[in-house]
Amino acid sequence: MGAVAFMKENDVAGKVFNSLDYGGYLLWEFRPNMRVFFDGRMEACYSADTLKQYFFALQNNDEWESLDKRYNFGAVLLNPTSKADQPLIEYLASNPEWKLVYLDWTSVLFLKITINPAIPALILPQEKEKIPSPPTDRPWALIALGQTFELLRQNEEALDCYQKAVKLFPRYPIGWDSLGRMLFSLGKHQEAIEAFKSTIQSDRRYTPALYNLGSAYLKLGNYQEAIIYLQRVVDRSPGYIEARINLAAAYLYSNNRKSAIEQYNEVLKREPTNQDALKMINLLKTP
């Protein structure tokens, strides 16, 4: 694991806050000198309070700051492909007390500047050549590296990863879908739509592509196309709440008030407290 090798080579100091995925590996590699914050043994070795602290710190910036004040971590090692880890990655990337020093398609390493002042930060995009190249026989590695760049707000680098992924693996739907999302966020709307269509061509069972394509048409004001694709999503996955919300909006913008209300009611059947649906139902009932 590249991040662990980096920690050894640079003699990283301080306590480590780590992703659940990497606790056991860190214990093994640094035995007997490292005490990780958390590892996969969970309930067997950690109290309920520690479990709560760990997961709250990943998701809430104030909880993280409180935990860091208590333990004064010197390093944070996270997994960018873990949805649980992603909010903290985004927070630390914009926090002046921390510096990014290493990343690849499996890990992101931040160091606290006051505890590890001599280890230089990784400056992006200028120093992207320092990032290890992902294996070209594994499409998920390119996608994971692209997602890592997204978390760090390096959108052009993310786009490059996704473009390489679809070139090397044209039948890999997640590559096309990721490319479409990034193109749309960069304002390249028509290219994004073509990428979403390529996702569907590569795997017609890949429901997220139908949702992304329908939602793209909705944002661009092409409501009839949005209805076609979003209706296919809810026909296939009736509990796909976000798709029903967007489908209702497409019907509403198309002046089909009745169908919009039907979709909002379908949302409320599944999520009675859904605030978006409740708000719109109340508005649409108003004469």
C-alpha atoms as a PDB file:
ATOM      1  CA  MET A   1       0.000   0.000   0.000  1.00  0.00           C
ATOM      2  CA  GLY A   2       1.588   3.222  -1.216  1.00  0.00           C
ATOM      3  CA  ALA A   3       0.380   5.468   1.590  1.00  0.00           C
ATOM      4  CA  VAL A   4       1.825   3.162   4.254  1.00  0.00           C
ATOM      5  CA  ALA A   5       5.150   3.024   2.414  1.00  0.00           C
ATOM      6  CA  PHE A   6       5.100   6.843   2.314  1.00  0.00           C
ATOM      7  CA  MET A   7       4.466   6.986   6.074  1.00  0.00           C
ATOM      8  CA  LYS A   8       7.418   4.689   6.744  1.00  0.00           C
ATOM      9  CA  GLU A   9       9.799   6.485   4.387  1.00  0.00           C
ATOM     10  CA  ASN A  10       8.962   9.902   5.821  1.00  0.00           C
ATOM     11  CA  ASP A  11       8.718   8.888   9.476  1.00  0.00           C
ATOM     12  CA  VAL A  12       5.248  10.373   9.885  1.00  0.00           C
ATOM     13  CA  ALA A  13       4.690  11.519  13.470  1.00  0.00           C
ATOM     14  CA  GLY A  14       1.639  11.635  15.690  1.00  0.00           C
ATOM     15  CA  LYS A  15      -1.506   9.636  16.291  1.00  0.00           C
ATOM     16  CA  VAL A  16      -3.308   8.301  13.224  1.00  0.00           C
ATOM     17  CA  PHE A  17      -7.001   8.603  12.475  1.00  0.00           C
ATOM     18  CA  ASN A  18      -7.703   5.933   9.895  1.00  0.00           C
ATOM     19  CA  SER A  19     -10.380   4.511   7.669  1.00  0.00           C
ATOM     20  CA  LEU A  20     -12.020   1.394   9.034  1.00  0.00           C
ATOM     21  CA  ASP A  21     -10.764  -0.376   5.891  1.00  0.00           C
ATOM     22  CA  TYR A  22      -7.114   0.168   6.797  1.00  0.00           C
ATOM     23  CA  GLY A  23      -6.929  -0.299  10.566  1.00  0.00           C
ATOM     24  CA  GLY A  24      -5.888  -3.941  10.469  1.00  0.00           C
ATOM     25  CA  TYR A  25      -3.286  -3.311   7.774  1.00  0.00           C
ATOM     26  CA  LEU A  26      -1.748  -0.437   9.730  1.00  0.00           C
ATOM     27  CA  LEU A  27      -1.578  -2.565  12.877  1.00  0.00           C
ATOM     28  CA  TRP A  28       0.273  -5.278  10.960  1.00  0.00           C
ATOM     29  CA  GLU A  29       2.695  -3.002   9.132  1.00  0.00           C
ATOM     30  CA  PHE A  30       3.649  -0.869  12.137  1.00  0.00           C
ATOM     31  CA  ARG A  31       3.483  -3.538  14.851  1.00  0.00           C
ATOM     32  CA  PRO A  32       4.054  -3.089  17.741  1.00  0.00           C
ATOM     33  CA  ASN A  33       4.540   0.687  17.619  1.00  0.00           C
ATOM     34  CA  MET A  34       1.220   1.984  16.288  1.00  0.00           C
ATOM     35  CA  ARG A  35      -2.143   2.197  17.958  1.00  0.00           C
ATOM     36  CA  VAL A  36      -4.774   2.857  15.299  1.00  0.00           C
ATOM     37  CA  PHE A  37      -7.946   4.702  16.138  1.00  0.00           C
ATOM     38  CA  PHE A  38     -10.204   2.014  14.689  1.00  0.00           C
ATOM     39  CA  ASP A  39     -10.058  -1.334  12.877  1.00  0.00           C
ATOM     40  CA  GLY A  40     -12.317  -4.124  11.669  1.00  0.00           C
ATOM     41  CA  ARG A  41     -12.695  -5.810  15.047  1.00  0.00           C
ATOM     42  CA  MET A  42     -15.306  -3.183  15.918  1.00  0.00           C
ATOM     43  CA  GLU A  43     -17.626  -4.390  18.732  1.00  0.00           C
ATOM     44  CA  ALA A  44     -15.091  -6.986  19.865  1.00  0.00           C
ATOM     45  CA  CYS A  45     -12.480  -4.377  20.836  1.00  0.00           C
ATOM     46  CA  TYR A  46     -14.177  -0.984  20.852  1.00  0.00           C
ATOM     47  CA  SER A  47     -16.872   0.539  23.017  1.00  0.00           C
ATOM     48  CA  ALA A  48     -20.202   1.745  21.665  1.00  0.00           C
ATOM     49  CA  ASP A  49     -19.070   5.302  22.442  1.00  0.00           C
ATOM     50  CA  THR A  50     -15.928   4.890  20.315  1.00  0.00           C
ATOM     51  CA  LEU A  51     -17.971   3.464  17.435  1.00  0.00           C
ATOM     52  CA  LYS A  52     -20.313   6.445  17.627  1.00  0.00           C
ATOM     53  CA  GLN A  53     -17.432   8.936  17.787  1.00  0.00           C
ATOM     54  CA  TYR A  54     -15.760   7.365  14.772  1.00  0.00           C
ATOM     55  CA  PHE A  55     -18.750   7.414  12.457  1.00  0.00           C
ATOM     56  CA  PHE A  56     -19.948  10.851  13.604  1.00  0.00           C
ATOM     57  CA  ALA A  57     -16.470  12.307  12.998  1.00  0.00           C
ATOM     58  CA  LEU A  58     -16.489  11.036   9.417  1.00  0.00           C
ATOM     59  CA  GLN A  59     -19.794  12.703   8.652  1.00  0.00           C
ATOM     60  CA  ASN A  60     -19.816  15.905  10.734  1.00  0.00           C
ATOM     61  CA  ASN A  61     -17.116  18.573  10.710  1.00  0.00           C
ATOM     62  CA  ASP A  62     -17.860  19.770  14.238  1.00  0.00           C
ATOM     63  CA  GLU A  63     -17.658  16.212  15.566  1.00  0.00           C
ATOM     64  CA  TRP A  64     -14.341  15.769  13.762  1.00  0.00           C
ATOM     65  CA  GLU A  65     -12.919  18.948  15.285  1.00  0.00           C
ATOM     66  CA  SER A  66     -14.024  17.845  18.740  1.00  0.00           C
ATOM     67  CA  LEU A  67     -12.390  14.434  18.300  1.00  0.00           C
ATOM     68  CA  ASP A  68      -9.203  15.964  16.924  1.00  0.00           C
ATOM     69  CA  LYS A  69      -9.020  18.387  19.843  1.00  0.00           C
ATOM     70  CA  ARG A  70      -9.235  15.421  22.200  1.00  0.00           C
ATOM     71  CA  TYR A  71      -6.631  13.214  20.473  1.00  0.00           C
ATOM     72  CA  ASN A  72      -4.541  15.732  18.462  1.00  0.00           C
ATOM     73  CA  PHE A  73      -4.026  13.498  15.431  1.00  0.00           C
ATOM     74  CA  GLY A  74      -0.875  13.898  13.365  1.00  0.00           C
ATOM     75  CA  ALA A  75      -2.099  11.971  10.324  1.00  0.00           C
ATOM     76  CA  VAL A  76      -5.361  10.952   8.675  1.00  0.00           C
ATOM     77  CA  LEU A  77      -5.462   7.999   6.265  1.00  0.00           C
ATOM     78  CA  LEU A  78      -8.745   7.563   4.403  1.00  0.00           C
ATOM     79  CA  ASN A  79     -10.234   5.500   1.591  1.00  0.00           C
ATOM     80  CA  PRO A  80     -11.627   7.736  -1.177  1.00  0.00           C
ATOM     81  CA  THR A  81     -13.790   4.915  -2.564  1.00  0.00           C
ATOM     82  CA  SER A  82     -15.635   4.614   0.773  1.00  0.00           C
ATOM     83  CA  LYS A  83     -18.707   6.848   0.873  1.00  0.00           C
ATOM     84  CA  ALA A  84     -18.336   7.031   4.650  1.00  0.00           C
ATOM     85  CA  ASP A  85     -14.847   8.558   4.318  1.00  0.00           C
ATOM     86  CA  GLN A  86     -15.612  11.052   1.560  1.00  0.00           C
ATOM     87  CA  PRO A  87     -17.073  13.946   3.623  1.00  0.00           C
ATOM     88  CA  LEU A  88     -13.972  14.083   5.823  1.00  0.00           C
ATOM     89  CA  ILE A  89     -11.684  13.990   2.775  1.00  0.00           C
ATOM     90  CA  GLU A  90     -13.474  17.020   1.345  1.00  0.00           C
ATOM     91  CA  TYR A  91     -13.275  18.842   4.673  1.00  0.00           C
ATOM     92  CA  LEU A  92      -9.572  18.225   5.272  1.00  0.00           C
ATOM     93  CA  ALA A  93      -8.729  19.185   1.685  1.00  0.00           C
ATOM     94  CA  SER A  94      -9.979  22.715   2.430  1.00  0.00           C
ATOM     95  CA  ASN A  95      -8.726  22.932   6.037  1.00  0.00           C
ATOM     96  CA  PRO A  96      -5.562  25.070   6.380  1.00  0.00           C
ATOM     97  CA  GLU A  97      -4.395  23.060   9.404  1.00  0.00           C
ATOM     98  CA  TRP A  98      -3.919  19.985   7.227  1.00  0.00           C
ATOM     99  CA  LYS A  99      -1.947  19.227   4.088  1.00  0.00           C
ATOM    100  CA  LEU A 100      -2.421  16.532   1.475  1.00  0.00           C
ATOM    101  CA  VAL A 101       0.845  14.618   1.093  1.00  0.00           C
ATOM    102  CA  TYR A 102      -0.086  11.428  -0.739  1.00  0.00           C
ATOM    103  CA  LEU A 103      -2.868  10.011  -2.869  1.00  0.00           C
ATOM    104  CA  ASP A 104      -3.523   7.131  -5.214  1.00  0.00           C
ATOM    105  CA  TRP A 105      -6.578   5.132  -6.302  1.00  0.00           C
ATOM    106  CA  THR A 106      -6.948   3.463  -2.884  1.00  0.00           C
ATOM    107  CA  SER A 107      -5.916   6.029  -0.282  1.00  0.00           C
ATOM    108  CA  VAL A 108      -5.558   9.668   0.688  1.00  0.00           C
ATOM    109  CA  LEU A 109      -3.107  10.794   3.377  1.00  0.00           C
ATOM    110  CA  PHE A 110      -3.312  14.136   5.197  1.00  0.00           C
ATOM    111  CA  LEU A 111      -0.803  15.378   7.772  1.00  0.00           C
ATOM    112  CA  LYS A 112      -1.282  18.056  10.399  1.00  0.00           C
ATOM    113  CA  ILE A 113       1.105  20.874   9.569  1.00  0.00           C
ATOM    114  CA  THR A 114       2.102  21.608  13.175  1.00  0.00           C
ATOM    115  CA  ILE A 115       3.021  17.979  13.899  1.00  0.00           C
ATOM    116  CA  ASN A 116       4.652  17.098  10.558  1.00  0.00           C
ATOM    117  CA  PRO A 117       5.991  20.458   9.333  1.00  0.00           C
ATOM    118  CA  ALA A 118       8.965  19.145   7.345  1.00  0.00           C
ATOM    119  CA  ILE A 119       7.060  16.819   5.011  1.00  0.00           C
ATOM    120  CA  PRO A 120       6.047  18.822   1.915  1.00  0.00           C
ATOM    121  CA  ALA A 121       2.470  19.013   0.709  1.00  0.00           C
ATOM    122  CA  LEU A 122       1.450  17.490  -2.606  1.00  0.00           C
ATOM    123  CA  ILE A 123       0.530  20.473  -4.801  1.00  0.00           C
ATOM    124  CA  LEU A 124      -2.166  19.753  -7.357  1.00  0.00           C
ATOM    125  CA  PRO A 125      -2.379  19.833 -10.286  1.00  0.00           C
ATOM    126  CA  GLN A 126       1.260  20.927 -10.653  1.00  0.00           C
ATOM    127  CA  GLU A 127       2.694  17.794  -9.023  1.00  0.00           C
ATOM    128  CA  LYS A 128       0.295  15.186 -10.343  1.00  0.00           C
ATOM    129  CA  GLU A 129       3.241  13.297 -11.860  1.00  0.00           C
ATOM    130  CA  LYS A 130       4.091  12.242  -8.290  1.00  0.00           C
ATOM    131  CA  ILE A 131       0.849  10.266  -8.084  1.00  0.00           C
ATOM    132  CA  PRO A 132       1.328   6.554  -8.822  1.00  0.00           C
ATOM    133  CA  SER A 133      -0.310   5.461 -12.070  1.00  0.00           C
ATOM    134  CA  PRO A 134      -3.230   3.080 -11.594  1.00  0.00           C
ATOM    135  CA  PRO A 135      -2.980  -0.384 -13.196  1.00  0.00           C
ATOM    136  CA  THR A 136      -4.293  -0.218 -16.745  1.00  0.00           C
ATOM    137  CA  ASP A 137      -5.912  -3.652 -16.558  1.00  0.00           C
ATOM    138  CA  ARG A 138      -8.318  -2.599 -13.793  1.00  0.00           C
ATOM    139  CA  PRO A 139     -11.015  -0.139 -14.870  1.00  0.00           C
ATOM    140  CA  TRP A 140     -12.162   0.472 -11.287  1.00  0.00           C
ATOM    141  CA  ALA A 141      -8.702   1.840 -10.410  1.00  0.00           C
ATOM    142  CA  LEU A 142      -8.955   4.637 -12.974  1.00  0.00           C
ATOM    143  CA  ILE A 143     -12.492   5.409 -11.827  1.00  0.00           C
ATOM    144  CA  ALA A 144     -11.401   5.433  -8.177  1.00  0.00           C
ATOM    145  CA  LEU A 145      -8.555   7.839  -8.933  1.00  0.00           C
ATOM    146  CA  GLY A 146     -10.982  10.079 -10.819  1.00  0.00           C
ATOM    147  CA  GLN A 147     -13.369  10.061  -7.858  1.00  0.00           C
ATOM    148  CA  THR A 148     -10.459  10.990  -5.585  1.00  0.00           C
ATOM    149  CA  PHE A 149      -9.648  13.972  -7.794  1.00  0.00           C
ATOM    150  CA  GLU A 150     -13.314  14.982  -7.652  1.00  0.00           C
ATOM    151  CA  LEU A 151     -13.256  14.985  -3.854  1.00  0.00           C
ATOM    152  CA  LEU A 152     -10.179  17.217  -3.997  1.00  0.00           C
ATOM    153  CA  ARG A 153     -11.910  19.514  -6.537  1.00  0.00           C
ATOM    154  CA  GLN A 154      -9.411  18.699  -9.258  1.00  0.00           C
ATOM    155  CA  ASN A 155     -12.061  18.326 -11.940  1.00  0.00           C
ATOM    156  CA  GLU A 156      -9.843  18.422 -15.011  1.00  0.00           C
ATOM    157  CA  GLU A 157      -7.702  15.605 -13.585  1.00  0.00           C
ATOM    158  CA  ALA A 158     -10.853  13.628 -12.783  1.00  0.00           C
ATOM    159  CA  LEU A 159     -12.088  14.150 -16.330  1.00  0.00           C
ATOM    160  CA  ASP A 160      -8.785  12.866 -17.697  1.00  0.00           C
ATOM    161  CA  CYS A 161      -9.106   9.669 -15.617  1.00  0.00           C
ATOM    162  CA  TYR A 162     -12.638   9.013 -16.835  1.00  0.00           C
ATOM    163  CA  GLN A 163     -11.684   9.650 -20.461  1.00  0.00           C
ATOM    164  CA  LYS A 164      -8.829   7.166 -20.152  1.00  0.00           C
ATOM    165  CA  ALA A 165     -11.176   4.642 -18.528  1.00  0.00           C
ATOM    166  CA  VAL A 166     -13.723   4.679 -21.363  1.00  0.00           C
ATOM    167  CA  LYS A 167     -10.980   4.553 -23.984  1.00  0.00           C
ATOM    168  CA  LEU A 168      -9.407   1.472 -22.391  1.00  0.00           C
ATOM    169  CA  PHE A 169     -12.682  -0.147 -21.312  1.00  0.00           C
ATOM    170  CA  PRO A 170     -15.484   1.001 -23.658  1.00  0.00           C
ATOM    171  CA  ARG A 171     -17.896  -1.629 -22.306  1.00  0.00           C
ATOM    172  CA  TYR A 172     -17.503  -0.546 -18.674  1.00  0.00           C
ATOM    173  CA  PRO A 173     -20.708   1.388 -17.810  1.00  0.00           C
ATOM    174  CA  ILE A 174     -19.426   3.062 -14.655  1.00  0.00           C
ATOM    175  CA  GLY A 175     -16.689   4.716 -16.707  1.00  0.00           C
ATOM    176  CA  TRP A 176     -19.151   6.293 -19.120  1.00  0.00           C
ATOM    177  CA  ASP A 177     -21.494   7.290 -16.300  1.00  0.00           C
ATOM    178  CA  SER A 178     -18.665   8.950 -14.350  1.00  0.00           C
ATOM    179  CA  LEU A 179     -17.539  10.738 -17.500  1.00  0.00           C
ATOM    180  CA  GLY A 180     -21.064  11.978 -18.136  1.00  0.00           C
ATOM    181  CA  ARG A 181     -21.425  13.361 -14.615  1.00  0.00           C
ATOM    182  CA  MET A 182     -18.121  15.194 -14.820  1.00  0.00           C
ATOM    183  CA  LEU A 183     -18.793  16.615 -18.283  1.00  0.00           C
ATOM    184  CA  PHE A 184     -22.172  17.907 -17.131  1.00  0.00           C
ATOM    185  CA  SER A 185     -20.667  19.550 -14.038  1.00  0.00           C
ATOM    186  CA  LEU A 186     -18.150  21.288 -16.313  1.00  0.00           C
ATOM    187  CA  GLY A 187     -20.939  22.677 -18.479  1.00  0.00           C
ATOM    188  CA  LYS A 188     -20.307  20.313 -21.410  1.00  0.00           C
ATOM    189  CA  HIS A 189     -23.929  19.279 -21.543  1.00  0.00           C
ATOM    190  CA  GLN A 190     -24.230  17.698 -24.975  1.00  0.00           C
ATOM    191  CA  GLU A 191     -21.055  15.680 -24.461  1.00  0.00           C
ATOM    192  CA  ALA A 192     -22.445  14.549 -21.120  1.00  0.00           C
ATOM    193  CA  ILE A 193     -25.668  13.341 -22.717  1.00  0.00           C
ATOM    194  CA  GLU A 194     -23.715  11.355 -25.291  1.00  0.00           C
ATOM    195  CA  ALA A 195     -21.673   9.781 -22.485  1.00  0.00           C
ATOM    196  CA  PHE A 196     -24.839   8.786 -20.599  1.00  0.00           C
ATOM    197  CA  LYS A 197     -26.222   7.252 -23.794  1.00  0.00           C
ATOM    198  CA  SER A 198     -22.984   5.297 -24.170  1.00  0.00           C
ATOM    199  CA  THR A 199     -23.480   4.036 -20.613  1.00  0.00           C
ATOM    200  CA  ILE A 200     -26.871   2.639 -21.561  1.00  0.00           C
ATOM    201  CA  GLN A 201     -25.477   1.091 -24.745  1.00  0.00           C
ATOM    202  CA  SER A 202     -22.737  -0.634 -22.750  1.00  0.00           C
ATOM    203  CA  ASP A 203     -25.211  -2.019 -20.201  1.00  0.00           C
ATOM    204  CA  ARG A 204     -28.948  -1.506 -20.621  1.00  0.00           C
ATOM    205  CA  ARG A 205     -29.509  -2.817 -17.090  1.00  0.00           C
ATOM    206  CA  TYR A 206     -27.504   0.028 -15.535  1.00  0.00           C
ATOM    207  CA  THR A 207     -30.325   2.059 -13.986  1.00  0.00           C
ATOM    208  CA  PRO A 208     -28.187   4.977 -12.686  1.00  0.00           C
ATOM    209  CA  ALA A 209     -27.421   5.937 -16.292  1.00  0.00           C
ATOM    210  CA  LEU A 210     -31.121   6.226 -17.100  1.00  0.00           C
ATOM    211  CA  TYR A 211     -31.546   8.435 -14.043  1.00  0.00           C
ATOM    212  CA  ASN A 212     -28.561  10.629 -14.895  1.00  0.00           C
ATOM    213  CA  LEU A 213     -29.665  11.002 -18.515  1.00  0.00           C
ATOM    214  CA  GLY A 214     -33.225  11.872 -17.533  1.00  0.00           C
ATOM    215  CA  SER A 215     -32.000  14.334 -14.908  1.00  0.00           C
ATOM    216  CA  ALA A 216     -29.642  15.935 -17.435  1.00  0.00           C
ATOM    217  CA  TYR A 217     -32.520  16.479 -19.854  1.00  0.00           C
ATOM    218  CA  LEU A 218     -34.568  17.948 -16.988  1.00  0.00           C
ATOM    219  CA  LYS A 219     -31.857  20.479 -16.144  1.00  0.00           C
ATOM    220  CA  LEU A 220     -31.559  21.439 -19.805  1.00  0.00           C
ATOM    221  CA  GLY A 221     -35.312  21.997 -20.117  1.00  0.00           C
ATOM    222  CA  ASN A 222     -35.976  19.050 -22.443  1.00  0.00           C
ATOM    223  CA  TYR A 223     -38.862  17.801 -20.357  1.00  0.00           C
ATOM    224  CA  GLN A 224     -40.300  15.217 -22.744  1.00  0.00           C
ATOM    225  CA  GLU A 225     -36.982  13.379 -22.993  1.00  0.00           C
ATOM    226  CA  ALA A 226     -36.609  13.664 -19.229  1.00  0.00           C
ATOM    227  CA  ILE A 227     -40.006  12.030 -18.738  1.00  0.00           C
ATOM    228  CA  ILE A 228     -39.123   9.159 -21.070  1.00  0.00           C
ATOM    229  CA  TYR A 229     -35.944   8.197 -19.228  1.00  0.00           C
ATOM    230  CA  LEU A 230     -37.111   8.922 -15.685  1.00  0.00           C
ATOM    231  CA  GLN A 231     -40.287   6.919 -16.281  1.00  0.00           C
ATOM    232  CA  ARG A 232     -38.124   3.977 -17.308  1.00  0.00           C
ATOM    233  CA  VAL A 233     -36.243   4.321 -14.033  1.00  0.00           C
ATOM    234  CA  VAL A 234     -39.342   4.215 -11.811  1.00  0.00           C
ATOM    235  CA  ASP A 235     -40.874   1.403 -13.863  1.00  0.00           C
ATOM    236  CA  ARG A 236     -37.746  -0.618 -13.234  1.00  0.00           C
ATOM    237  CA  SER A 237     -37.106   0.593  -9.652  1.00  0.00           C
ATOM    238  CA  PRO A 238     -40.377   1.841  -8.083  1.00  0.00           C
ATOM    239  CA  GLY A 239     -38.602   2.868  -4.875  1.00  0.00           C
ATOM    240  CA  TYR A 240     -36.103   5.174  -6.583  1.00  0.00           C
ATOM    241  CA  ILE A 241     -37.226   8.315  -4.734  1.00  0.00           C
ATOM    242  CA  GLU A 242     -34.897  10.814  -6.446  1.00  0.00           C
ATOM    243  CA  ALA A 243     -36.107   9.633  -9.851  1.00  0.00           C
ATOM    244  CA  ARG A 244     -39.757  10.119  -8.842  1.00  0.00           C
ATOM    245  CA  ILE A 245     -39.035  13.616  -7.531  1.00  0.00           C
ATOM    246  CA  ASN A 246     -37.370  14.574 -10.814  1.00  0.00           C
ATOM    247  CA  LEU A 247     -40.094  12.880 -12.865  1.00  0.00           C
ATOM    248  CA  ALA A 248     -42.715  14.872 -10.975  1.00  0.00           C
ATOM    249  CA  ALA A 249     -40.795  18.071 -11.742  1.00  0.00           C
ATOM    250  CA  ALA A 250     -40.600  17.177 -15.442  1.00  0.00           C
ATOM    251  CA  TYR A 251     -44.367  16.602 -15.539  1.00  0.00           C
ATOM    252  CA  LEU A 252     -44.960  19.878 -13.698  1.00  0.00           C
ATOM    253  CA  TYR A 253     -42.783  21.868 -16.110  1.00  0.00           C
ATOM    254  CA  SER A 254     -44.689  20.189 -18.958  1.00  0.00           C
ATOM    255  CA  ASN A 255     -47.952  21.550 -17.482  1.00  0.00           C
ATOM    256  CA  ASN A 256     -49.082  18.036 -16.542  1.00  0.00           C
ATOM    257  CA  ARG A 257     -50.169  18.846 -13.010  1.00  0.00           C
ATOM    258  CA  LYS A 258     -52.101  15.595 -12.511  1.00  0.00           C
ATOM    259  CA  SER A 259     -49.136  13.349 -13.304  1.00  0.00           C
ATOM    260  CA  ALA A 260     -46.850  15.469 -11.136  1.00  0.00           C
ATOM    261  CA  ILE A 261     -49.192  15.061  -8.157  1.00  0.00           C
ATOM    262  CA  GLU A 262     -49.346  11.305  -8.792  1.00  0.00           C
ATOM    263  CA  GLN A 263     -45.568  11.052  -8.603  1.00  0.00           C
ATOM    264  CA  TYR A 264     -45.328  13.118  -5.425  1.00  0.00           C
ATOM    265  CA  ASN A 265     -48.005  10.886  -3.874  1.00  0.00           C
ATOM    266  CA  GLU A 266     -45.999   7.814  -4.883  1.00  0.00           C
ATOM    267  CA  VAL A 267     -43.025   9.321  -3.062  1.00  0.00           C
ATOM    268  CA  LEU A 268     -45.114   9.891   0.061  1.00  0.00           C
ATOM    269  CA  LYS A 269     -46.378   6.304   0.009  1.00  0.00           C
ATOM    270  CA  ARG A 270     -42.785   5.199   0.406  1.00  0.00           C
ATOM    271  CA  GLU A 271     -41.455   8.124   2.461  1.00  0.00           C
ATOM    272  CA  PRO A 272     -44.338   9.834   4.283  1.00  0.00           C
ATOM    273  CA  THR A 273     -42.044  12.522   5.716  1.00  0.00           C
ATOM    274  CA  ASN A 274     -40.266  13.423   2.467  1.00  0.00           C
ATOM    275  CA  GLN A 275     -40.059  17.223   2.703  1.00  0.00           C
ATOM    276  CA  ASP A 276     -39.719  17.889  -1.037  1.00  0.00           C
ATOM    277  CA  ALA A 277     -42.851  15.920  -1.849  1.00  0.00           C
ATOM    278  CA  LEU A 278     -44.848  17.372   1.067  1.00  0.00           C
ATOM    279  CA  LYS A 279     -43.917  20.907   0.081  1.00  0.00           C
ATOM    280  CA  MET A 280     -44.896  20.406  -3.557  1.00  0.00           C
ATOM    281  CA  ILE A 281     -48.160  18.630  -2.739  1.00  0.00           C
ATOM    282  CA  ASN A 282     -49.181  21.548  -0.512  1.00  0.00           C
ATOM    283  CA  LEU A 283     -48.277  24.046  -3.212  1.00  0.00           C
ATOM    284  CA  LEU A 284     -50.130  22.143  -5.923  1.00  0.00           C
ATOM    285  CA  LYS A 285     -53.253  21.838  -3.771  1.00  0.00           C
ATOM    286  CA  THR A 286     -53.360  25.616  -3.379  1.00  0.00           C
ATOM    287  CA  PRO A 287     -55.937  27.072  -5.810  1.00  0.00           C
END
